[in-house]
Amino acid sequence: MNQPPSRDLRVLFETRRHVFISVLMRRLGSREDAEDVLQDALVKFHQMPASDEIENPEAYLMKVALNLATDRLRQTTSSARREKTWSAEVLNLDQAKEPSSPVDSIERDLIARQAIEKL
């Protein structure tokens, strides 16, 4: 007779937790992130419908955890890229507001006037 899924999950977590954390730490570079992702994976695993039978719960949980880790890495990379772009735009705006020399200001005004005349 099979054990209830919640019991199987608890036993799996207790016996193989160190493996999951080790793999996720290598992927994410941080124990905290690895712990967070494993927790999220356990929640997703636990929320599965009882009718879904899984032949290899350890492999399934690892796959869920790795997918979540990949999502986290993408999100982090995307956030860093957005922050870098935003910072560059803000710096450029600040530089545009305050010319480094009077010659730059005169040249910029002249270019702007010529552009307006062309329009």
N, C-alpha and C. Protein backbone atom coordinates (compact mmCIF):
# COMPACT_ATOMS: atom_id res chain seq x y z
N MET A 1 0.84 -1.19 0.00
CA MET A 1 0.00 0.00 0.00
C MET A 1 0.88 1.25 0.00
N ASN A 2 0.54 2.22 -0.81
CA ASN A 2 1.31 3.46 -0.93
C ASN A 2 1.07 4.36 0.27
N GLN A 3 2.10 5.15 0.59
CA GLN A 3 1.96 6.14 1.65
C GLN A 3 1.25 7.36 1.06
N PRO A 4 0.58 8.14 1.91
CA PRO A 4 -0.05 9.36 1.41
C PRO A 4 1.00 10.30 0.83
N PRO A 5 0.63 11.08 -0.20
CA PRO A 5 1.59 11.99 -0.84
C PRO A 5 2.27 12.94 0.13
N SER A 6 1.54 13.46 1.12
CA SER A 6 2.15 14.41 2.06
C SER A 6 3.25 13.74 2.87
N ARG A 7 3.05 12.47 3.22
CA ARG A 7 4.08 11.73 3.97
C ARG A 7 5.28 11.48 3.08
N ASP A 8 5.05 11.09 1.83
CA ASP A 8 6.15 10.88 0.89
C ASP A 8 6.97 12.16 0.72
N LEU A 9 6.30 13.27 0.62
CA LEU A 9 6.98 14.56 0.44
C LEU A 9 7.82 14.89 1.67
N ARG A 10 7.28 14.65 2.85
CA ARG A 10 8.02 14.93 4.08
C ARG A 10 9.28 14.07 4.17
N VAL A 11 9.14 12.79 3.88
CA VAL A 11 10.28 11.87 3.92
C VAL A 11 11.31 12.28 2.87
N LEU A 12 10.85 12.58 1.67
CA LEU A 12 11.75 13.02 0.60
C LEU A 12 12.50 14.28 1.02
N PHE A 13 11.79 15.22 1.58
CA PHE A 13 12.41 16.48 1.98
C PHE A 13 13.45 16.25 3.09
N GLU A 14 13.10 15.42 4.06
CA GLU A 14 14.02 15.17 5.18
C GLU A 14 15.27 14.42 4.74
N THR A 15 15.14 13.50 3.84
CA THR A 15 16.28 12.67 3.46
C THR A 15 17.13 13.27 2.35
N ARG A 16 16.56 14.07 1.48
CA ARG A 16 17.28 14.56 0.31
C ARG A 16 17.43 16.08 0.26
N ARG A 17 17.05 16.76 1.31
CA ARG A 17 17.09 18.22 1.34
C ARG A 17 18.48 18.75 1.00
N HIS A 18 19.52 18.14 1.56
CA HIS A 18 20.89 18.60 1.33
C HIS A 18 21.27 18.54 -0.15
N VAL A 19 20.74 17.57 -0.87
CA VAL A 19 21.02 17.45 -2.30
C VAL A 19 20.36 18.59 -3.06
N PHE A 20 19.11 18.84 -2.75
CA PHE A 20 18.39 19.94 -3.41
C PHE A 20 19.09 21.27 -3.16
N ILE A 21 19.43 21.54 -1.90
CA ILE A 21 20.07 22.80 -1.54
C ILE A 21 21.42 22.93 -2.25
N SER A 22 22.18 21.85 -2.28
CA SER A 22 23.50 21.88 -2.93
C SER A 22 23.38 22.23 -4.42
N VAL A 23 22.47 21.58 -5.11
CA VAL A 23 22.28 21.84 -6.54
C VAL A 23 21.80 23.27 -6.77
N LEU A 24 20.85 23.70 -5.97
CA LEU A 24 20.31 25.05 -6.14
C LEU A 24 21.33 26.13 -5.78
N MET A 25 22.17 25.86 -4.79
CA MET A 25 23.21 26.84 -4.44
C MET A 25 24.20 27.00 -5.59
N ARG A 26 24.53 25.89 -6.26
CA ARG A 26 25.43 25.99 -7.42
C ARG A 26 24.78 26.80 -8.53
N ARG A 27 23.50 26.63 -8.70
CA ARG A 27 22.79 27.33 -9.76
C ARG A 27 22.62 28.81 -9.44
N LEU A 28 22.26 29.11 -8.19
CA LEU A 28 21.89 30.47 -7.82
C LEU A 28 23.01 31.27 -7.15
N GLY A 29 23.98 30.57 -6.60
CA GLY A 29 25.10 31.26 -5.97
C GLY A 29 24.86 31.73 -4.56
N SER A 30 23.72 31.39 -3.97
CA SER A 30 23.39 31.88 -2.63
C SER A 30 22.56 30.83 -1.90
N ARG A 31 22.91 30.61 -0.64
CA ARG A 31 22.13 29.65 0.16
C ARG A 31 20.72 30.19 0.40
N GLU A 32 20.60 31.48 0.66
CA GLU A 32 19.28 32.07 0.90
C GLU A 32 18.37 31.88 -0.30
N ASP A 33 18.89 32.17 -1.50
CA ASP A 33 18.09 31.98 -2.71
C ASP A 33 17.72 30.51 -2.90
N ALA A 34 18.68 29.63 -2.62
CA ALA A 34 18.42 28.20 -2.75
C ALA A 34 17.30 27.76 -1.80
N GLU A 35 17.35 28.25 -0.57
CA GLU A 35 16.31 27.92 0.42
C GLU A 35 14.94 28.44 -0.05
N ASP A 36 14.92 29.67 -0.54
CA ASP A 36 13.66 30.26 -1.02
C ASP A 36 13.07 29.46 -2.18
N VAL A 37 13.93 29.12 -3.13
CA VAL A 37 13.45 28.38 -4.31
C VAL A 37 12.96 27.00 -3.91
N LEU A 38 13.68 26.33 -3.02
CA LEU A 38 13.23 25.00 -2.59
C LEU A 38 11.90 25.09 -1.87
N GLN A 39 11.72 26.11 -1.05
CA GLN A 39 10.45 26.30 -0.37
C GLN A 39 9.32 26.51 -1.39
N ASP A 40 9.57 27.35 -2.40
CA ASP A 40 8.56 27.57 -3.44
C ASP A 40 8.24 26.28 -4.20
N ALA A 41 9.28 25.49 -4.47
CA ALA A 41 9.08 24.22 -5.17
C ALA A 41 8.24 23.26 -4.34
N LEU A 42 8.49 23.22 -3.05
CA LEU A 42 7.70 22.35 -2.17
C LEU A 42 6.24 22.77 -2.14
N VAL A 43 6.02 24.07 -2.12
CA VAL A 43 4.64 24.57 -2.13
C VAL A 43 3.94 24.15 -3.42
N LYS A 44 4.61 24.34 -4.56
CA LYS A 44 4.03 23.95 -5.85
C LYS A 44 3.77 22.45 -5.89
N PHE A 45 4.73 21.69 -5.41
CA PHE A 45 4.60 20.23 -5.39
C PHE A 45 3.41 19.82 -4.53
N HIS A 46 3.28 20.45 -3.37
CA HIS A 46 2.20 20.11 -2.44
C HIS A 46 0.83 20.52 -2.98
N GLN A 47 0.79 21.54 -3.83
CA GLN A 47 -0.48 22.03 -4.36
C GLN A 47 -0.98 21.23 -5.56
N MET A 48 -0.18 20.27 -6.00
CA MET A 48 -0.61 19.46 -7.15
C MET A 48 -1.87 18.68 -6.80
N PRO A 49 -2.73 18.49 -7.78
CA PRO A 49 -3.93 17.68 -7.52
C PRO A 49 -3.55 16.27 -7.09
N ALA A 50 -4.32 15.71 -6.16
CA ALA A 50 -4.04 14.37 -5.65
C ALA A 50 -4.15 13.31 -6.75
N SER A 51 -4.89 13.62 -7.80
CA SER A 51 -5.07 12.65 -8.88
C SER A 51 -3.82 12.47 -9.74
N ASP A 52 -2.90 13.46 -9.69
CA ASP A 52 -1.67 13.37 -10.48
C ASP A 52 -0.67 12.45 -9.78
N GLU A 53 -0.37 11.33 -10.44
CA GLU A 53 0.62 10.42 -9.88
C GLU A 53 1.98 10.71 -10.49
N ILE A 54 2.99 10.71 -9.66
CA ILE A 54 4.35 10.99 -10.11
C ILE A 54 5.19 9.76 -9.83
N GLU A 55 5.83 9.26 -10.88
CA GLU A 55 6.64 8.06 -10.73
C GLU A 55 7.88 8.31 -9.89
N ASN A 56 8.52 9.46 -10.11
CA ASN A 56 9.76 9.77 -9.40
C ASN A 56 9.63 11.14 -8.75
N PRO A 57 9.10 11.19 -7.51
CA PRO A 57 8.88 12.48 -6.85
C PRO A 57 10.16 13.30 -6.68
N GLU A 58 11.29 12.64 -6.42
CA GLU A 58 12.54 13.38 -6.24
C GLU A 58 12.94 14.10 -7.53
N ALA A 59 12.87 13.41 -8.65
CA ALA A 59 13.22 14.03 -9.94
C ALA A 59 12.24 15.14 -10.28
N TYR A 60 10.97 14.91 -9.99
CA TYR A 60 9.96 15.92 -10.28
C TYR A 60 10.20 17.18 -9.45
N LEU A 61 10.45 16.99 -8.15
CA LEU A 61 10.70 18.14 -7.28
C LEU A 61 11.96 18.88 -7.70
N MET A 62 12.98 18.14 -8.12
CA MET A 62 14.22 18.78 -8.58
C MET A 62 13.94 19.60 -9.84
N LYS A 63 13.15 19.04 -10.75
CA LYS A 63 12.83 19.76 -11.98
C LYS A 63 12.05 21.04 -11.68
N VAL A 64 11.09 20.95 -10.79
CA VAL A 64 10.32 22.15 -10.40
C VAL A 64 11.26 23.18 -9.79
N ALA A 65 12.14 22.74 -8.90
CA ALA A 65 13.07 23.66 -8.23
C ALA A 65 14.02 24.30 -9.24
N LEU A 66 14.54 23.53 -10.17
CA LEU A 66 15.45 24.09 -11.18
C LEU A 66 14.74 25.07 -12.10
N ASN A 67 13.50 24.77 -12.45
CA ASN A 67 12.72 25.71 -13.27
C ASN A 67 12.50 27.03 -12.52
N LEU A 68 12.19 26.93 -11.23
CA LEU A 68 12.01 28.14 -10.43
C LEU A 68 13.32 28.91 -10.30
N ALA A 69 14.44 28.18 -10.17
CA ALA A 69 15.75 28.84 -10.09
C ALA A 69 16.05 29.58 -11.38
N THR A 70 15.74 28.95 -12.51
CA THR A 70 15.96 29.59 -13.81
C THR A 70 15.11 30.86 -13.92
N ASP A 71 13.86 30.77 -13.50
CA ASP A 71 12.99 31.95 -13.51
C ASP A 71 13.56 33.06 -12.64
N ARG A 72 14.08 32.70 -11.48
CA ARG A 72 14.65 33.70 -10.58
C ARG A 72 15.88 34.35 -11.20
N LEU A 73 16.73 33.55 -11.84
CA LEU A 73 17.92 34.11 -12.49
C LEU A 73 17.53 35.06 -13.63
N ARG A 74 16.53 34.68 -14.41
CA ARG A 74 16.06 35.55 -15.49
C ARG A 74 15.53 36.86 -14.94
N GLN A 75 14.76 36.76 -13.87
CA GLN A 75 14.19 37.96 -13.26
C GLN A 75 15.29 38.86 -12.73
N THR A 76 16.28 38.28 -12.09
CA THR A 76 17.39 39.06 -11.54
C THR A 76 18.17 39.73 -12.66
N THR A 77 18.45 38.99 -13.74
CA THR A 77 19.18 39.53 -14.88
C THR A 77 18.39 40.66 -15.53
N SER A 78 17.11 40.44 -15.70
CA SER A 78 16.25 41.46 -16.31
C SER A 78 16.20 42.72 -15.45
N SER A 79 16.08 42.54 -14.15
CA SER A 79 16.04 43.70 -13.24
C SER A 79 17.35 44.47 -13.29
N ALA A 80 18.47 43.74 -13.31
CA ALA A 80 19.77 44.41 -13.37
C ALA A 80 19.92 45.18 -14.68
N ARG A 81 19.46 44.58 -15.78
CA ARG A 81 19.54 45.25 -17.08
C ARG A 81 18.69 46.51 -17.09
N ARG A 82 17.47 46.42 -16.54
CA ARG A 82 16.59 47.60 -16.46
C ARG A 82 17.23 48.69 -15.61
N GLU A 83 17.81 48.29 -14.49
CA GLU A 83 18.44 49.26 -13.59
C GLU A 83 19.62 49.94 -14.28
N LYS A 84 20.41 49.17 -15.01
CA LYS A 84 21.56 49.73 -15.71
C LYS A 84 21.11 50.71 -16.79
N THR A 85 20.08 50.34 -17.55
CA THR A 85 19.55 51.22 -18.59
C THR A 85 18.99 52.49 -17.98
N TRP A 86 18.23 52.33 -16.92
CA TRP A 86 17.63 53.49 -16.26
C TRP A 86 18.72 54.42 -15.74
N SER A 87 19.73 53.86 -15.10
CA SER A 87 20.82 54.66 -14.56
C SER A 87 21.54 55.42 -15.67
N ALA A 88 21.78 54.75 -16.78
CA ALA A 88 22.46 55.40 -17.91
C ALA A 88 21.61 56.55 -18.45
N GLU A 89 20.30 56.35 -18.55
CA GLU A 89 19.43 57.40 -19.05
C GLU A 89 19.40 58.59 -18.10
N VAL A 90 19.35 58.32 -16.82
CA VAL A 90 19.33 59.40 -15.83
C VAL A 90 20.63 60.17 -15.89
N LEU A 91 21.76 59.48 -15.99
CA LEU A 91 23.05 60.16 -16.07
C LEU A 91 23.13 61.01 -17.32
N ASN A 92 22.64 60.49 -18.43
CA ASN A 92 22.66 61.26 -19.68
C ASN A 92 21.77 62.50 -19.56
N LEU A 93 20.63 62.37 -18.91
CA LEU A 93 19.75 63.52 -18.73
C LEU A 93 20.42 64.57 -17.86
N ASP A 94 21.07 64.12 -16.79
CA ASP A 94 21.76 65.07 -15.92
C ASP A 94 22.87 65.79 -16.67
N GLN A 95 23.59 65.06 -17.50
CA GLN A 95 24.66 65.68 -18.27
C GLN A 95 24.11 66.65 -19.31
N ALA A 96 22.94 66.33 -19.87
CA ALA A 96 22.34 67.21 -20.87
C ALA A 96 21.85 68.50 -20.23
N LYS A 97 21.44 68.44 -18.98
CA LYS A 97 20.95 69.63 -18.30
C LYS A 97 22.08 70.59 -17.94
N GLU A 98 23.22 70.02 -17.60
CA GLU A 98 24.34 70.85 -17.17
C GLU A 98 25.52 70.64 -18.09
N PRO A 99 25.70 71.52 -19.05
CA PRO A 99 26.84 71.38 -19.96
C PRO A 99 28.15 71.49 -19.19
N SER A 100 29.15 70.76 -19.70
CA SER A 100 30.43 70.76 -19.01
C SER A 100 31.20 72.06 -19.22
N SER A 101 30.90 72.77 -20.31
CA SER A 101 31.57 74.05 -20.54
C SER A 101 30.62 74.96 -21.33
N PRO A 102 30.89 76.26 -21.32
CA PRO A 102 30.04 77.19 -22.09
C PRO A 102 30.07 76.88 -23.58
N VAL A 103 31.19 76.38 -24.09
CA VAL A 103 31.29 76.06 -25.51
C VAL A 103 30.31 74.94 -25.85
N ASP A 104 30.21 73.92 -24.97
CA ASP A 104 29.26 72.83 -25.19
C ASP A 104 27.84 73.37 -25.24
N SER A 105 27.52 74.30 -24.35
CA SER A 105 26.19 74.88 -24.30
C SER A 105 25.86 75.64 -25.59
N ILE A 106 26.80 76.44 -26.07
CA ILE A 106 26.60 77.21 -27.30
C ILE A 106 26.43 76.27 -28.49
N GLU A 107 27.27 75.24 -28.54
CA GLU A 107 27.20 74.29 -29.65
C GLU A 107 25.87 73.54 -29.63
N ARG A 108 25.43 73.16 -28.48
CA ARG A 108 24.15 72.44 -28.37
C ARG A 108 23.00 73.35 -28.78
N ASP A 109 23.04 74.61 -28.37
CA ASP A 109 21.99 75.57 -28.75
C ASP A 109 21.95 75.76 -30.27
N LEU A 110 23.12 75.87 -30.87
CA LEU A 110 23.22 76.06 -32.32
C LEU A 110 22.64 74.86 -33.06
N ILE A 111 22.99 73.67 -32.62
CA ILE A 111 22.46 72.44 -33.25
C ILE A 111 20.95 72.38 -33.10
N ALA A 112 20.45 72.74 -31.93
CA ALA A 112 18.99 72.73 -31.70
C ALA A 112 18.29 73.74 -32.60
N ARG A 113 18.86 74.93 -32.75
CA ARG A 113 18.25 75.95 -33.61
C ARG A 113 18.22 75.51 -35.06
N GLN A 114 19.32 74.88 -35.52
CA GLN A 114 19.36 74.40 -36.90
C GLN A 114 18.32 73.30 -37.11
N ALA A 115 18.15 72.46 -36.15
CA ALA A 115 17.15 71.40 -36.28
C ALA A 115 15.74 71.99 -36.35
N ILE A 116 15.48 73.02 -35.55
CA ILE A 116 14.17 73.67 -35.56
C ILE A 116 13.94 74.35 -36.91
N GLU A 117 14.94 75.01 -37.45
CA GLU A 117 14.80 75.68 -38.74
C GLU A 117 14.49 74.66 -39.85
N LYS A 118 15.14 73.51 -39.80
CA LYS A 118 14.89 72.48 -40.81
C LYS A 118 13.45 71.98 -40.74
N LEU A 119 12.94 71.88 -39.55
CA LEU A 119 11.55 71.41 -39.38
C LEU A 119 10.59 72.45 -39.91
